[in-house]
C-alpha atoms as a PDB file:
ATOM      1  CA  UNK A   1     117.748 132.237 114.429  1.00  0.00           C
ATOM      2  CA  UNK A   2     114.628 134.048 114.619  1.00  0.00           C
ATOM      3  CA  UNK A   3     113.079 133.316 111.155  1.00  0.00           C
ATOM      4  CA  UNK A   4     113.205 129.547 112.466  1.00  0.00           C
ATOM      5  CA  UNK A   5     111.579 130.071 115.596  1.00  0.00           C
ATOM      6  CA  UNK A   6     108.828 132.339 113.013  1.00  0.00           C
ATOM      7  CA  UNK A   7     108.997 128.854 111.058  1.00  0.00           C
ATOM      8  CA  UNK A   8     108.346 127.211 114.309  1.00  0.00           C
ATOM      9  CA  UNK A   9     105.267 129.421 115.461  1.00  0.00           C
ATOM     10  CA  UNK A  10     103.740 129.019 111.672  1.00  0.00           C
ATOM     11  CA  UNK A  11     103.851 125.198 112.271  1.00  0.00           C
ATOM     12  CA  UNK A  12     102.737 125.022 115.364  1.00  0.00           C
ATOM     13  CA  UNK A  13      99.743 127.451 114.397  1.00  0.00           C
ATOM     14  CA  UNK A  14      98.894 124.901 111.743  1.00  0.00           C
ATOM     15  CA  UNK A  15      99.240 122.012 113.058  1.00  0.00           C
ATOM     16  CA  UNK A  16      96.569 123.135 115.931  1.00  0.00           C
ATOM     17  CA  UNK A  17      94.590 124.181 113.887  1.00  0.00           C
ATOM     18  CA  UNK A  18      93.997 120.749 111.818  1.00  0.00           C
ATOM     19  CA  UNK A  19      94.094 119.485 114.866  1.00  0.00           C
ATOM     20  CA  UNK A  20      91.128 121.544 116.472  1.00  0.00           C
ATOM     21  CA  UNK A  21      89.230 120.855 113.004  1.00  0.00           C
ATOM     22  CA  UNK A  22      89.974 116.958 113.738  1.00  0.00           C
ATOM     23  CA  UNK A  23      89.028 117.316 117.064  1.00  0.00           C
ATOM     24  CA  UNK A  24      86.645 119.657 117.434  1.00  0.00           C
ATOM     25  CA  UNK A  25      84.939 119.252 121.405  1.00  0.00           C
ATOM     26  CA  UNK A  26      88.753 118.335 122.646  1.00  0.00           C
ATOM     27  CA  UNK A  27      91.985 120.411 124.174  1.00  0.00           C
ATOM     28  CA  UNK A  28      94.644 120.207 122.345  1.00  0.00           C
ATOM     29  CA  UNK A  29      98.225 120.342 123.962  1.00  0.00           C
ATOM     30  CA  UNK A  30     101.661 120.366 121.892  1.00  0.00           C
ATOM     31  CA  UNK A  31     104.328 119.435 124.033  1.00  0.00           C
ATOM     32  CA  UNK A  32     107.991 117.676 122.457  1.00  0.00           C
ATOM     33  CA  UNK A  33     106.809 114.818 121.623  1.00  0.00           C
ATOM     34  CA  UNK A  34     103.840 114.392 122.039  1.00  0.00           C
ATOM     35  CA  UNK A  35     100.410 115.723 121.552  1.00  0.00           C
ATOM     36  CA  UNK A  36      98.115 115.012 124.725  1.00  0.00           C
ATOM     37  CA  UNK A  37      93.816 115.366 123.160  1.00  0.00           C
ATOM     38  CA  UNK A  38      92.110 116.269 126.270  1.00  0.00           C
ATOM     39  CA  UNK A  39      87.750 115.330 125.472  1.00  0.00           C
ATOM     40  CA  UNK A  40      85.858 117.681 127.428  1.00  0.00           C
ATOM     41  CA  UNK A  41      82.881 115.375 126.580  1.00  0.00           C
ATOM     42  CA  UNK A  42      84.513 112.855 128.746  1.00  0.00           C
ATOM     43  CA  UNK A  43      87.271 114.450 129.984  1.00  0.00           C
ATOM     44  CA  UNK A  44      89.767 111.503 128.899  1.00  0.00           C
ATOM     45  CA  UNK A  45      93.019 111.903 127.646  1.00  0.00           C
ATOM     46  CA  UNK A  46      94.927 110.576 124.712  1.00  0.00           C
ATOM     47  CA  UNK A  47      98.318 110.598 123.608  1.00  0.00           C
ATOM     48  CA  UNK A  48     100.184 110.658 119.541  1.00  0.00           C
ATOM     49  CA  UNK A  49     103.491 110.192 120.302  1.00  0.00           C
ATOM     50  CA  UNK A  50     106.142 108.205 118.787  1.00  0.00           C
ATOM     51  CA  UNK A  51     104.722 105.199 119.137  1.00  0.00           C
ATOM     52  CA  UNK A  52     101.573 105.456 117.278  1.00  0.00           C
ATOM     53  CA  UNK A  53     102.235 108.657 115.185  1.00  0.00           C
ATOM     54  CA  UNK A  54     102.584 106.311 112.032  1.00  0.00           C
ATOM     55  CA  UNK A  55      99.475 104.700 113.026  1.00  0.00           C
ATOM     56  CA  UNK A  56      97.967 107.889 113.167  1.00  0.00           C
ATOM     57  CA  UNK A  57      98.965 109.197 110.108  1.00  0.00           C
ATOM     58  CA  UNK A  58      97.602 106.731 108.116  1.00  0.00           C
ATOM     59  CA  UNK A  59      94.026 107.257 109.310  1.00  0.00           C
ATOM     60  CA  UNK A  60      94.610 111.001 108.442  1.00  0.00           C
ATOM     61  CA  UNK A  61      95.491 109.693 104.872  1.00  0.00           C
ATOM     62  CA  UNK A  62      93.080 107.644 104.494  1.00  0.00           C
ATOM     63  CA  UNK A  63      90.265 109.884 106.259  1.00  0.00           C
ATOM     64  CA  UNK A  64      91.027 112.742 103.859  1.00  0.00           C
ATOM     65  CA  UNK A  65      92.671 110.987 100.591  1.00  0.00           C
ATOM     66  CA  UNK A  66      96.278 111.750 100.705  1.00  0.00           C
ATOM     67  CA  UNK A  67      97.226 108.644  99.080  1.00  0.00           C
ATOM     68  CA  UNK A  68      99.568 109.595  96.286  1.00  0.00           C
ATOM     69  CA  UNK A  69      98.760 105.477  94.756  1.00  0.00           C
ATOM     70  CA  UNK A  70      96.929 105.252  91.647  1.00  0.00           C
ATOM     71  CA  UNK A  71      95.704 102.324  91.910  1.00  0.00           C
ATOM     72  CA  UNK A  72      93.204 103.455  93.964  1.00  0.00           C
ATOM     73  CA  UNK A  73      89.680 102.141  93.647  1.00  0.00           C
ATOM     74  CA  UNK A  74      86.683 103.316  94.532  1.00  0.00           C
ATOM     75  CA  UNK A  75      83.409 102.074  96.034  1.00  0.00           C
ATOM     76  CA  UNK A  76      80.856 104.432  95.011  1.00  0.00           C
ATOM     77  CA  UNK A  77      77.202 104.709  96.129  1.00  0.00           C
ATOM     78  CA  UNK A  78      74.321 105.983  94.065  1.00  0.00           C
ATOM     79  CA  UNK A  79      74.347 106.253  90.395  1.00  0.00           C
ATOM     80  CA  UNK A  80      75.762 109.739  89.521  1.00  0.00           C
ATOM     81  CA  UNK A  81      79.038 108.594  92.025  1.00  0.00           C
ATOM     82  CA  UNK A  82      78.709 105.108  89.624  1.00  0.00           C
ATOM     83  CA  UNK A  83      79.487 107.423  86.788  1.00  0.00           C
ATOM     84  CA  UNK A  84      82.274 109.601  88.100  1.00  0.00           C
ATOM     85  CA  UNK A  85      83.661 106.901  89.245  1.00  0.00           C
ATOM     86  CA  UNK A  86      83.543 104.843  86.085  1.00  0.00           C
ATOM     87  CA  UNK A  87      84.900 108.013  84.299  1.00  0.00           C
ATOM     88  CA  UNK A  88      88.393 108.824  86.606  1.00  0.00           C
ATOM     89  CA  UNK A  89      88.732 104.429  86.186  1.00  0.00           C
ATOM     90  CA  UNK A  90      88.423 105.068  82.386  1.00  0.00           C
ATOM     91  CA  UNK A  91      90.754 108.453  82.171  1.00  0.00           C
ATOM     92  CA  UNK A  92      93.458 106.337  84.213  1.00  0.00           C
ATOM     93  CA  UNK A  93      93.749 103.543  81.881  1.00  0.00           C
ATOM     94  CA  UNK A  94      94.278 106.301  79.525  1.00  0.00           C
ATOM     95  CA  UNK A  95      96.460 107.376  81.022  1.00  0.00           C
ATOM     96  CA  UNK A  96      98.462 104.420  81.474  1.00  0.00           C
ATOM     97  CA  UNK A  97      98.387 103.646  77.273  1.00  0.00           C
ATOM     98  CA  UNK A  98      99.569 106.920  76.681  1.00  0.00           C
ATOM     99  CA  UNK A  99     102.274 106.618  79.071  1.00  0.00           C
ATOM    100  CA  UNK A 100     106.199 105.526  77.489  1.00  0.00           C
END
């Protein structure tokens, strides 16, 4: 039981740390089935619950490029970024040719 409690506390700390980075001007409260985010500048309170969690998760995946999709296209701006994107694309094409 104590190990589970320790794991829960560690997970809670990790979640709070990530949310604090994402919402630096906000007070965050983790409750059983809801995350409340109060913006200190506007006093607006937002909630993440089971109704909007999937949308929030998809936004985070997009923001932090966490998708496992191999077909991801890059939209580079700048000459160096275009060269890097082209190298990534060539590497993926080479990998696809070598795959059985």
